[in-house]
N, C-alpha and C. Protein backbone atom coordinates (compact mmCIF):
# COMPACT_ATOMS: atom_id res chain seq x y z
N UNK A 1 0.84 -1.19 0.00
CA UNK A 1 0.00 0.00 0.00
C UNK A 1 0.89 1.25 0.00
N UNK A 2 0.48 2.20 -0.79
CA UNK A 2 1.25 3.43 -0.92
C UNK A 2 1.02 4.35 0.27
N UNK A 3 2.11 4.95 0.77
CA UNK A 3 2.00 5.88 1.88
C UNK A 3 1.40 7.19 1.40
N UNK A 4 0.38 7.63 2.10
CA UNK A 4 -0.22 8.93 1.82
C UNK A 4 0.42 9.94 2.77
N UNK A 5 0.85 11.06 2.22
CA UNK A 5 1.60 12.05 2.98
C UNK A 5 0.78 13.34 3.11
N UNK A 6 0.74 13.85 4.32
CA UNK A 6 0.16 15.16 4.57
C UNK A 6 1.29 16.17 4.66
N UNK A 7 1.19 17.23 3.87
CA UNK A 7 2.11 18.36 3.99
C UNK A 7 1.27 19.50 4.55
N UNK A 8 1.44 19.78 5.83
CA UNK A 8 0.67 20.83 6.51
C UNK A 8 1.60 22.02 6.78
N UNK A 9 1.03 23.20 6.79
CA UNK A 9 1.86 24.39 6.95
C UNK A 9 1.09 25.52 7.60
N UNK A 10 1.84 26.48 8.13
CA UNK A 10 1.29 27.75 8.61
C UNK A 10 2.13 28.85 7.99
N UNK A 11 1.45 29.81 7.42
CA UNK A 11 2.13 30.88 6.70
C UNK A 11 1.52 32.21 7.10
N UNK A 12 2.24 33.26 6.89
CA UNK A 12 1.69 34.60 7.15
C UNK A 12 1.38 35.30 5.84
N UNK A 13 2.34 35.29 4.92
CA UNK A 13 2.16 36.00 3.66
C UNK A 13 2.21 35.09 2.44
N UNK A 14 2.34 33.78 2.64
CA UNK A 14 2.28 32.85 1.53
C UNK A 14 3.59 32.19 1.13
N UNK A 15 4.72 32.65 1.61
CA UNK A 15 6.00 32.05 1.22
C UNK A 15 6.11 30.61 1.71
N UNK A 16 5.68 30.35 2.94
CA UNK A 16 5.74 29.00 3.48
C UNK A 16 4.74 28.10 2.77
N UNK A 17 3.59 28.63 2.39
CA UNK A 17 2.64 27.85 1.60
C UNK A 17 3.28 27.43 0.29
N UNK A 18 4.05 28.32 -0.32
CA UNK A 18 4.74 27.99 -1.57
C UNK A 18 5.75 26.88 -1.38
N UNK A 19 6.44 26.89 -0.25
CA UNK A 19 7.40 25.82 0.06
C UNK A 19 6.65 24.50 0.23
N UNK A 20 5.55 24.53 0.97
CA UNK A 20 4.76 23.32 1.19
C UNK A 20 4.22 22.78 -0.14
N UNK A 21 3.75 23.65 -1.01
CA UNK A 21 3.26 23.22 -2.33
C UNK A 21 4.37 22.55 -3.13
N UNK A 22 5.56 23.11 -3.07
CA UNK A 22 6.70 22.52 -3.78
C UNK A 22 7.03 21.14 -3.23
N UNK A 23 7.01 21.00 -1.92
CA UNK A 23 7.28 19.70 -1.30
C UNK A 23 6.23 18.69 -1.77
N UNK A 24 4.96 19.09 -1.73
CA UNK A 24 3.89 18.21 -2.20
C UNK A 24 4.08 17.82 -3.65
N UNK A 25 4.44 18.78 -4.48
CA UNK A 25 4.67 18.51 -5.91
C UNK A 25 5.78 17.49 -6.10
N UNK A 26 6.89 17.66 -5.39
CA UNK A 26 8.02 16.73 -5.52
C UNK A 26 7.61 15.33 -5.05
N UNK A 27 6.89 15.25 -3.94
CA UNK A 27 6.44 13.94 -3.45
C UNK A 27 5.56 13.25 -4.48
N UNK A 28 4.65 14.00 -5.09
CA UNK A 28 3.78 13.41 -6.13
C UNK A 28 4.59 12.99 -7.35
N UNK A 29 5.56 13.80 -7.74
CA UNK A 29 6.42 13.44 -8.88
C UNK A 29 7.21 12.16 -8.59
N UNK A 30 7.46 11.90 -7.32
CA UNK A 30 8.18 10.70 -6.92
C UNK A 30 7.24 9.50 -6.71
N UNK A 31 5.97 9.68 -7.07
CA UNK A 31 5.03 8.57 -7.04
C UNK A 31 4.25 8.40 -5.74
N UNK A 32 4.30 9.38 -4.85
CA UNK A 32 3.56 9.30 -3.59
C UNK A 32 2.27 10.11 -3.69
N UNK A 33 1.30 9.76 -2.85
CA UNK A 33 0.10 10.58 -2.71
C UNK A 33 0.40 11.66 -1.68
N UNK A 34 0.15 12.90 -2.00
CA UNK A 34 0.44 13.99 -1.07
C UNK A 34 -0.67 15.02 -1.10
N UNK A 35 -1.16 15.35 0.09
CA UNK A 35 -2.14 16.42 0.25
C UNK A 35 -1.44 17.59 0.93
N UNK A 36 -1.64 18.79 0.41
CA UNK A 36 -1.03 19.99 0.98
C UNK A 36 -2.16 20.86 1.53
N UNK A 37 -2.12 21.09 2.86
CA UNK A 37 -3.21 21.81 3.52
C UNK A 37 -2.69 22.76 4.59
N UNK A 38 -3.38 23.88 4.79
CA UNK A 38 -3.05 24.72 5.95
C UNK A 38 -3.26 23.91 7.23
N UNK A 39 -2.37 24.05 8.17
CA UNK A 39 -2.42 23.26 9.41
C UNK A 39 -3.76 23.39 10.12
N UNK A 40 -4.34 24.57 10.10
CA UNK A 40 -5.60 24.77 10.84
C UNK A 40 -6.78 24.04 10.20
N UNK A 41 -6.63 23.55 8.98
CA UNK A 41 -7.72 22.82 8.32
C UNK A 41 -7.67 21.31 8.58
N UNK A 42 -6.60 20.83 9.18
CA UNK A 42 -6.44 19.39 9.38
C UNK A 42 -7.05 18.99 10.72
N UNK A 43 -7.96 18.03 10.68
CA UNK A 43 -8.60 17.54 11.90
C UNK A 43 -8.19 16.11 12.23
N UNK A 44 -7.90 15.31 11.20
CA UNK A 44 -7.70 13.88 11.38
C UNK A 44 -6.45 13.43 10.62
N UNK A 45 -5.55 12.76 11.31
CA UNK A 45 -4.34 12.26 10.66
C UNK A 45 -4.46 10.80 10.24
N UNK A 46 -5.58 10.15 10.54
CA UNK A 46 -5.69 8.71 10.27
C UNK A 46 -5.48 8.33 8.80
N UNK A 47 -5.79 9.17 7.80
CA UNK A 47 -5.52 8.76 6.42
C UNK A 47 -4.03 8.79 6.04
N UNK A 48 -3.19 9.35 6.89
CA UNK A 48 -1.81 9.62 6.51
C UNK A 48 -0.82 8.72 7.25
N UNK A 49 0.13 8.20 6.49
CA UNK A 49 1.21 7.42 7.07
C UNK A 49 2.43 8.27 7.39
N UNK A 50 2.46 9.47 6.82
CA UNK A 50 3.59 10.37 7.03
C UNK A 50 3.09 11.81 7.02
N UNK A 51 3.82 12.66 7.74
CA UNK A 51 3.45 14.08 7.82
C UNK A 51 4.70 14.94 7.68
N UNK A 52 4.57 15.97 6.86
CA UNK A 52 5.58 17.03 6.77
C UNK A 52 4.88 18.28 7.28
N UNK A 53 5.42 18.90 8.31
CA UNK A 53 4.81 20.09 8.91
C UNK A 53 5.81 21.23 8.88
N UNK A 54 5.35 22.38 8.40
CA UNK A 54 6.23 23.53 8.33
C UNK A 54 5.55 24.80 8.76
N UNK A 55 6.38 25.76 9.14
CA UNK A 55 5.87 27.04 9.59
C UNK A 55 6.83 28.17 9.25
N UNK A 56 6.23 29.30 8.98
CA UNK A 56 7.01 30.53 8.92
C UNK A 56 7.44 30.84 10.35
N UNK A 57 8.57 31.50 10.50
CA UNK A 57 9.06 31.88 11.82
C UNK A 57 9.09 33.41 11.88
N UNK A 58 8.44 33.93 12.93
CA UNK A 58 8.45 35.37 13.20
C UNK A 58 8.79 35.55 14.66
N UNK A 59 9.75 36.41 14.93
CA UNK A 59 10.16 36.70 16.30
C UNK A 59 10.54 35.40 17.03
N UNK A 60 11.26 34.53 16.33
CA UNK A 60 11.77 33.27 16.88
C UNK A 60 10.66 32.30 17.26
N UNK A 61 9.47 32.46 16.66
CA UNK A 61 8.35 31.57 16.97
C UNK A 61 7.71 31.06 15.69
N UNK A 62 7.21 29.82 15.77
CA UNK A 62 6.38 29.29 14.69
C UNK A 62 5.04 29.99 14.73
N UNK A 63 4.36 30.03 13.62
CA UNK A 63 3.00 30.57 13.55
C UNK A 63 2.10 29.72 14.45
N UNK A 64 1.11 30.34 15.07
CA UNK A 64 0.24 29.64 16.02
C UNK A 64 -0.44 28.40 15.44
N UNK A 65 -0.95 28.42 14.21
CA UNK A 65 -1.60 27.20 13.71
C UNK A 65 -0.66 25.99 13.62
N UNK A 66 0.61 26.20 13.27
CA UNK A 66 1.56 25.09 13.19
C UNK A 66 1.92 24.59 14.59
N UNK A 67 2.16 25.50 15.52
CA UNK A 67 2.48 25.10 16.89
C UNK A 67 1.30 24.35 17.51
N UNK A 68 0.09 24.85 17.28
CA UNK A 68 -1.11 24.19 17.81
C UNK A 68 -1.29 22.81 17.20
N UNK A 69 -1.00 22.68 15.90
CA UNK A 69 -1.09 21.39 15.22
C UNK A 69 -0.13 20.39 15.86
N UNK A 70 1.10 20.82 16.08
CA UNK A 70 2.12 19.95 16.67
C UNK A 70 1.68 19.47 18.05
N UNK A 71 1.15 20.38 18.84
CA UNK A 71 0.70 20.03 20.20
C UNK A 71 -0.54 19.14 20.17
N UNK A 72 -1.52 19.49 19.35
CA UNK A 72 -2.78 18.75 19.31
C UNK A 72 -2.63 17.33 18.77
N UNK A 73 -1.69 17.14 17.86
CA UNK A 73 -1.54 15.84 17.20
C UNK A 73 -0.27 15.10 17.65
N UNK A 74 0.28 15.49 18.78
CA UNK A 74 1.55 14.90 19.22
C UNK A 74 1.51 13.38 19.23
N UNK A 75 0.49 12.79 19.81
CA UNK A 75 0.42 11.33 19.92
C UNK A 75 0.36 10.68 18.54
N UNK A 76 -0.47 11.19 17.66
CA UNK A 76 -0.59 10.63 16.31
C UNK A 76 0.70 10.83 15.52
N UNK A 77 1.35 11.96 15.70
CA UNK A 77 2.61 12.22 14.99
C UNK A 77 3.71 11.27 15.45
N UNK A 78 3.71 10.92 16.73
CA UNK A 78 4.72 10.01 17.26
C UNK A 78 4.60 8.62 16.64
N UNK A 79 3.46 8.31 16.04
CA UNK A 79 3.21 7.01 15.43
C UNK A 79 3.46 7.01 13.92
N UNK A 80 3.93 8.14 13.38
CA UNK A 80 4.12 8.29 11.95
C UNK A 80 5.52 8.79 11.63
N UNK A 81 5.86 8.65 10.37
CA UNK A 81 7.09 9.28 9.88
C UNK A 81 6.81 10.78 9.76
N UNK A 82 7.65 11.59 10.38
CA UNK A 82 7.41 13.04 10.44
C UNK A 82 8.68 13.79 10.05
N UNK A 83 8.50 14.85 9.29
CA UNK A 83 9.55 15.80 8.96
C UNK A 83 9.02 17.18 9.30
N UNK A 84 9.88 18.06 9.80
CA UNK A 84 9.50 19.42 10.18
C UNK A 84 10.39 20.42 9.45
N UNK A 85 9.79 21.56 9.08
CA UNK A 85 10.61 22.62 8.49
C UNK A 85 10.15 23.99 8.94
N UNK A 86 11.09 24.91 8.94
CA UNK A 86 10.83 26.31 9.25
C UNK A 86 11.28 27.14 8.06
N UNK A 87 10.62 28.27 7.87
CA UNK A 87 11.08 29.21 6.84
C UNK A 87 11.08 30.60 7.42
N UNK A 88 12.02 31.40 6.97
CA UNK A 88 12.02 32.72 7.55
C UNK A 88 13.04 33.71 7.07
N UNK A 89 14.32 33.45 7.22
CA UNK A 89 15.24 34.56 6.97
C UNK A 89 15.29 34.92 5.49
N UNK A 90 15.51 36.18 5.24
CA UNK A 90 15.63 36.63 3.85
C UNK A 90 17.04 37.08 3.53
N UNK A 91 17.90 37.02 4.51
CA UNK A 91 19.29 37.40 4.23
C UNK A 91 20.06 36.18 3.76
N UNK A 92 21.29 36.38 3.37
CA UNK A 92 22.11 35.31 2.84
C UNK A 92 22.65 34.37 3.91
N UNK A 93 22.37 34.63 5.18
CA UNK A 93 22.89 33.80 6.24
C UNK A 93 22.31 32.39 6.19
N UNK A 94 22.94 31.50 6.92
CA UNK A 94 22.43 30.14 7.04
C UNK A 94 21.03 30.21 7.63
N UNK A 95 20.04 29.57 7.00
CA UNK A 95 18.68 29.71 7.52
C UNK A 95 18.51 29.19 8.93
N UNK A 96 19.32 28.24 9.36
CA UNK A 96 19.21 27.74 10.73
C UNK A 96 19.61 28.80 11.75
N UNK A 97 20.39 29.76 11.36
CA UNK A 97 20.86 30.77 12.31
C UNK A 97 19.75 31.71 12.77
N UNK A 98 18.65 31.79 12.03
CA UNK A 98 17.60 32.71 12.45
C UNK A 98 16.85 32.18 13.67
N UNK A 99 17.07 30.93 14.04
CA UNK A 99 16.54 30.40 15.29
C UNK A 99 17.66 30.27 16.32
N UNK A 100 18.66 31.10 16.14
CA UNK A 100 19.80 31.16 17.06
C UNK A 100 20.47 29.80 17.20
N UNK A 101 20.60 29.09 16.08
CA UNK A 101 21.28 27.81 16.05
C UNK A 101 20.44 26.62 16.45
N UNK A 102 19.20 26.84 16.83
CA UNK A 102 18.32 25.74 17.23
C UNK A 102 17.58 25.21 16.00
N UNK A 103 17.14 23.99 16.08
CA UNK A 103 16.37 23.41 14.98
C UNK A 103 14.93 23.87 15.01
N UNK A 104 14.41 24.12 16.20
CA UNK A 104 13.02 24.57 16.37
C UNK A 104 12.97 25.61 17.48
N UNK A 105 11.91 26.42 17.51
CA UNK A 105 11.75 27.34 18.64
C UNK A 105 11.72 26.57 19.96
N UNK A 106 12.20 27.19 21.02
CA UNK A 106 12.35 26.54 22.32
C UNK A 106 11.10 25.78 22.78
N UNK A 107 9.96 26.39 22.72
CA UNK A 107 8.75 25.76 23.24
C UNK A 107 8.33 24.51 22.49
N UNK A 108 8.80 24.32 21.28
CA UNK A 108 8.41 23.16 20.49
C UNK A 108 9.43 22.04 20.56
N UNK A 109 10.62 22.32 21.01
CA UNK A 109 11.69 21.33 21.05
C UNK A 109 11.32 20.09 21.86
N UNK A 110 10.73 20.23 23.06
CA UNK A 110 10.37 19.03 23.83
C UNK A 110 9.35 18.15 23.10
N UNK A 111 8.41 18.76 22.42
CA UNK A 111 7.42 17.98 21.66
C UNK A 111 8.12 17.24 20.52
N UNK A 112 8.98 17.93 19.83
CA UNK A 112 9.71 17.30 18.73
C UNK A 112 10.54 16.12 19.23
N UNK A 113 11.13 16.26 20.38
CA UNK A 113 11.93 15.16 20.94
C UNK A 113 11.07 13.94 21.21
N UNK A 114 9.82 14.16 21.62
CA UNK A 114 8.92 13.02 21.86
C UNK A 114 8.42 12.41 20.55
N UNK A 115 8.23 13.26 19.53
CA UNK A 115 7.74 12.78 18.23
C UNK A 115 8.86 12.07 17.46
N UNK A 116 10.09 12.52 17.64
CA UNK A 116 11.26 11.99 16.95
C UNK A 116 11.14 12.13 15.43
N UNK A 117 11.11 13.38 14.93
CA UNK A 117 11.04 13.55 13.47
C UNK A 117 12.26 12.96 12.79
N UNK A 118 12.05 12.51 11.58
CA UNK A 118 13.15 11.93 10.79
C UNK A 118 14.06 13.02 10.24
N UNK A 119 13.56 14.23 10.17
CA UNK A 119 14.38 15.33 9.68
C UNK A 119 13.76 16.66 10.04
N UNK A 120 14.62 17.65 10.25
CA UNK A 120 14.19 19.02 10.52
C UNK A 120 15.04 19.92 9.63
N UNK A 121 14.37 20.79 8.88
CA UNK A 121 15.08 21.67 7.95
C UNK A 121 14.66 23.12 8.18
N UNK A 122 15.54 24.01 7.80
CA UNK A 122 15.24 25.45 7.79
C UNK A 122 15.53 25.97 6.39
N UNK A 123 14.59 26.74 5.87
CA UNK A 123 14.73 27.30 4.54
C UNK A 123 14.62 28.81 4.57
N UNK A 124 15.25 29.45 3.61
CA UNK A 124 15.08 30.90 3.44
C UNK A 124 13.64 31.18 3.04
N UNK A 125 13.18 32.35 3.36
CA UNK A 125 11.81 32.73 3.07
C UNK A 125 11.72 33.83 2.03
N UNK A 126 10.59 34.50 2.05
CA UNK A 126 10.33 35.59 1.12
C UNK A 126 9.48 36.65 1.82
N UNK A 127 9.77 37.90 1.52
CA UNK A 127 8.97 39.01 2.04
C UNK A 127 8.71 39.99 0.91
N UNK A 128 7.44 40.23 0.67
CA UNK A 128 7.02 41.17 -0.36
C UNK A 128 6.66 42.48 0.33
N UNK A 129 7.37 43.54 0.01
CA UNK A 129 7.15 44.85 0.66
C UNK A 129 5.71 45.32 0.54
N UNK A 130 5.03 44.97 -0.53
CA UNK A 130 3.65 45.41 -0.73
C UNK A 130 2.69 44.79 0.28
N UNK A 131 3.07 43.69 0.90
CA UNK A 131 2.18 43.00 1.82
C UNK A 131 2.49 43.31 3.28
N UNK A 132 3.57 44.03 3.55
CA UNK A 132 3.98 44.32 4.92
C UNK A 132 3.32 45.59 5.44
N UNK A 133 3.04 45.59 6.73
CA UNK A 133 2.54 46.80 7.37
C UNK A 133 3.70 47.78 7.54
N UNK A 134 3.37 49.00 7.87
CA UNK A 134 4.39 50.01 8.11
C UNK A 134 5.35 49.55 9.22
N UNK A 135 4.79 49.00 10.29
CA UNK A 135 5.62 48.55 11.42
C UNK A 135 6.54 47.40 10.99
N UNK A 136 6.01 46.48 10.20
CA UNK A 136 6.84 45.35 9.73
C UNK A 136 7.96 45.84 8.82
N UNK A 137 7.66 46.81 7.96
CA UNK A 137 8.71 47.37 7.10
C UNK A 137 9.79 48.04 7.94
N UNK A 138 9.36 48.77 8.96
CA UNK A 138 10.29 49.43 9.86
C UNK A 138 11.18 48.41 10.56
N UNK A 139 10.58 47.33 11.06
CA UNK A 139 11.34 46.28 11.75
C UNK A 139 12.35 45.63 10.81
N UNK A 140 11.93 45.34 9.60
CA UNK A 140 12.83 44.69 8.64
C UNK A 140 14.02 45.61 8.31
N UNK A 141 13.72 46.90 8.19
CA UNK A 141 14.79 47.85 7.90
C UNK A 141 15.77 47.93 9.07
N UNK A 142 15.26 48.00 10.29
CA UNK A 142 16.12 48.08 11.47
C UNK A 142 16.92 46.80 11.70
N UNK A 143 16.34 45.66 11.32
CA UNK A 143 17.04 44.39 11.47
C UNK A 143 17.95 44.11 10.27
N UNK A 144 17.93 45.06 9.31
CA UNK A 144 18.74 44.93 8.10
C UNK A 144 18.42 43.64 7.33
N UNK A 145 17.13 43.32 7.28
CA UNK A 145 16.66 42.15 6.54
C UNK A 145 16.19 42.62 5.16
N UNK A 146 16.75 42.08 4.11
CA UNK A 146 16.31 42.50 2.77
C UNK A 146 14.94 41.93 2.43
N UNK A 147 14.24 42.65 1.59
CA UNK A 147 12.95 42.19 1.11
C UNK A 147 13.16 41.49 -0.23
N UNK A 148 12.31 40.53 -0.52
CA UNK A 148 12.39 39.78 -1.77
C UNK A 148 12.17 38.30 -1.52
N UNK A 149 12.35 37.52 -2.56
CA UNK A 149 12.15 36.08 -2.48
C UNK A 149 13.51 35.40 -2.44
N UNK A 150 13.83 34.80 -1.31
CA UNK A 150 15.13 34.16 -1.10
C UNK A 150 15.00 32.65 -0.94
N UNK A 151 13.82 32.11 -1.28
CA UNK A 151 13.64 30.66 -1.19
C UNK A 151 14.57 29.99 -2.18
N UNK A 152 15.23 28.95 -1.75
CA UNK A 152 16.17 28.20 -2.58
C UNK A 152 15.48 26.90 -2.98
N UNK A 153 14.88 26.97 -4.16
CA UNK A 153 14.05 25.86 -4.62
C UNK A 153 14.85 24.57 -4.79
N UNK A 154 16.11 24.68 -5.12
CA UNK A 154 16.93 23.47 -5.27
C UNK A 154 17.09 22.77 -3.93
N UNK A 155 17.28 23.50 -2.86
CA UNK A 155 17.42 22.91 -1.52
C UNK A 155 16.09 22.30 -1.07
N UNK A 156 15.00 22.98 -1.35
CA UNK A 156 13.67 22.47 -0.98
C UNK A 156 13.38 21.19 -1.76
N UNK A 157 13.67 21.19 -3.06
CA UNK A 157 13.45 20.02 -3.91
C UNK A 157 14.30 18.85 -3.43
N UNK A 158 15.55 19.10 -3.11
CA UNK A 158 16.44 18.03 -2.64
C UNK A 158 15.92 17.43 -1.34
N UNK A 159 15.46 18.26 -0.43
CA UNK A 159 14.95 17.78 0.85
C UNK A 159 13.70 16.93 0.63
N UNK A 160 12.78 17.40 -0.20
CA UNK A 160 11.56 16.64 -0.49
C UNK A 160 11.88 15.33 -1.21
N UNK A 161 12.87 15.34 -2.08
CA UNK A 161 13.28 14.11 -2.77
C UNK A 161 13.83 13.10 -1.77
N UNK A 162 14.58 13.57 -0.78
CA UNK A 162 15.09 12.69 0.27
C UNK A 162 13.94 12.10 1.09
N UNK A 163 12.92 12.90 1.36
CA UNK A 163 11.75 12.39 2.08
C UNK A 163 11.08 11.28 1.28
N UNK A 164 10.87 11.54 -0.01
CA UNK A 164 10.24 10.53 -0.87
C UNK A 164 11.05 9.23 -0.89
N UNK A 165 12.35 9.35 -1.00
CA UNK A 165 13.22 8.16 -1.03
C UNK A 165 13.09 7.38 0.28
N UNK A 166 13.06 8.08 1.41
CA UNK A 166 12.93 7.41 2.71
C UNK A 166 11.60 6.69 2.80
N UNK A 167 10.54 7.34 2.35
CA UNK A 167 9.21 6.73 2.44
C UNK A 167 9.10 5.53 1.50
N UNK A 168 9.65 5.65 0.32
CA UNK A 168 9.57 4.55 -0.66
C UNK A 168 10.42 3.37 -0.20
N UNK A 169 11.52 3.61 0.47
CA UNK A 169 12.36 2.51 0.93
C UNK A 169 11.71 1.74 2.09
N UNK A 170 10.79 2.40 2.80
CA UNK A 170 10.09 1.75 3.91
C UNK A 170 8.77 1.14 3.48
N UNK A 171 8.38 1.34 2.23
CA UNK A 171 7.06 0.86 1.77
C UNK A 171 7.04 -0.63 1.58
């Protein structure tokens, strides 16, 4: 039986949704069934043998819908193959550095340790100046964060391809 994969995400302006869609596309191209849904729309994990969960990171925190998903489904996630990702920085720095070297925000680390994800990744994000509030633009300027799309599709594709290979090898 083929593993059905849920790719759930929480986004603020759509960049993380784009990453999730790309992951779903790659999984489907690799012959897997993949549903891509906002985290707040998922109620039941029983149809899925694997879950990829991602969130945009703002102020060193995951978006509330992704954090709530992780907490609400902890037991079910511990019984499945799980991968987690964060997206956020727009500068050229290592994307993991925007969480101060951690793989996940502090409050989620204990849950992740209990779930035992097979992989955790951090990706560069995107910020469109037209969608930011005045305060957000001011913050980005003061933090010296450039605006634009800094998602590295090759890295995202490679990570999703690795997920597909892991799932297919366990099928």
